[in-house]
């Protein structure tokens, strides 16, 4: 379906595209994931609107606007979810229904090993160990990656009032958000060009607080700076550490992330970070099956340039079902177990979602709590801690039937309100709720699932795709104007 991609904000209204209808009426549990090139994989429960029943795995071809049935799965209901792993080219999914099973579909033409289990090509493999908690309403699988992570997250122009540890953005209403904590600031123009700092706090949409700042004075009005993944020249190293001079990182903020040697001695190596203090990264001990763990093969030195990026080795699981539990499993380990993480601040369930945005918050996850609230959380992967995000929603809430998805490049959440055809944008920089495009059909409030996602097509255009719960209607709308 061709398009000129010429919509303009404030001039053109977004146009919904009616796509080929889904093969079945989808009910309680549903979710979909995109391979980034051609196929959208859809797992949904159908056959009964009130009980555990048939769960099907289908895929939609974005090139031909056609559906393909792949196979039926373990019967499920509320809590079905699916996630695509671009590093391993496979799907992870759960069928909900208060079950503890999780599954892998290998999309390669050769065997791969996930969490110690051999997965045959185009075969659904039942995984062990089983989920540590049964998947219910709002259950979520979330995979973290640096695949496609931009080196530069954003740029900004300094306003008056900057200091050596505080940067002020000249944009109104501002472009900073809490997901930027852990990113590095690098000054691109002005007297402080080349100086850096690490973002330790975001007091508001116009202000960043820095630690390990090398600024000798505040930026001047008009100076340009960027927010990026941290990058340094090493000062020294041992077989299991890497040290930089003159910095003051937040302790353990980069735990569970990876360090990659870009150039110099040891170039090409990638290793898991177990912990960090103010100046030194300590590598994780060797884990059988995980090639990115253990000591350096070639120890870096003062010629080594490195960056810090998210690790692609973990899958996170939140069981929904009005629980606070949170878990992860190491996908490359030969014999991993589900690890219990710090519990969420309050129960998560109906209308919830745990989302990842490498283009905005590469070291964090963002959670919509659901349960008839407007509460949003952020989870810091390195610190294993939760925070509560600002939300100015008035009386609006989300619950069973709502859809919430991340639009990372715009620092927004797109929300489909349950029981209505209304949609909203939540601005993660300001916390303000704004009206979005209106759906052609209302969403029933009875059905759980993640039927709303924002995808970037192969030609670089952003689309919101949505499947109507309790129906077969399948739509998309272009987001160039956002």
Foldseek 3Di string as FASTA:
>chain_A
DDDPLPDAFPPDAWDKDFFDFFPFFFEFAKEWEDLQAFKIWIWGAGDDRPAFHKIWIKIAGPVPRDIDTQGIDDTAGAQWYKYAQNVQGKMKIDRARQDFKIWIARCDCQWDAWQQRIHHHRDIDIDPPTHPGGAHFPKAKEFADCVVQDQFLFKFFFDPDFWQFKTFGPDVPAADFQLLQQWKKAWCDDPRHGWIFGFHGDPARGMTGTFLTPDPTGDDGGTMMTTGFDKDQFAAWDQFKTWHPRFFDDKQLQAQWKKAWCDAWLHGAIAGFHIDGTTMTGTAPDAAQDPRGHTRPTIGHRRTMMGIFHDRQKMKIDRAPQFQWIWIWGTRGNNIDIDTFDGHPGGARFQKYWADDSSARNQKIKMQRAPFARWIWIAGNRVSDIDTAAADDPNDGAGHQKAWEDPRSQQWIWIQHAPAQWIWIQRSRHNYIGTDDGHPDHAHRSHGYHQWYWGQYPVGWIKIWGAHNSTRIIMIITDSHD
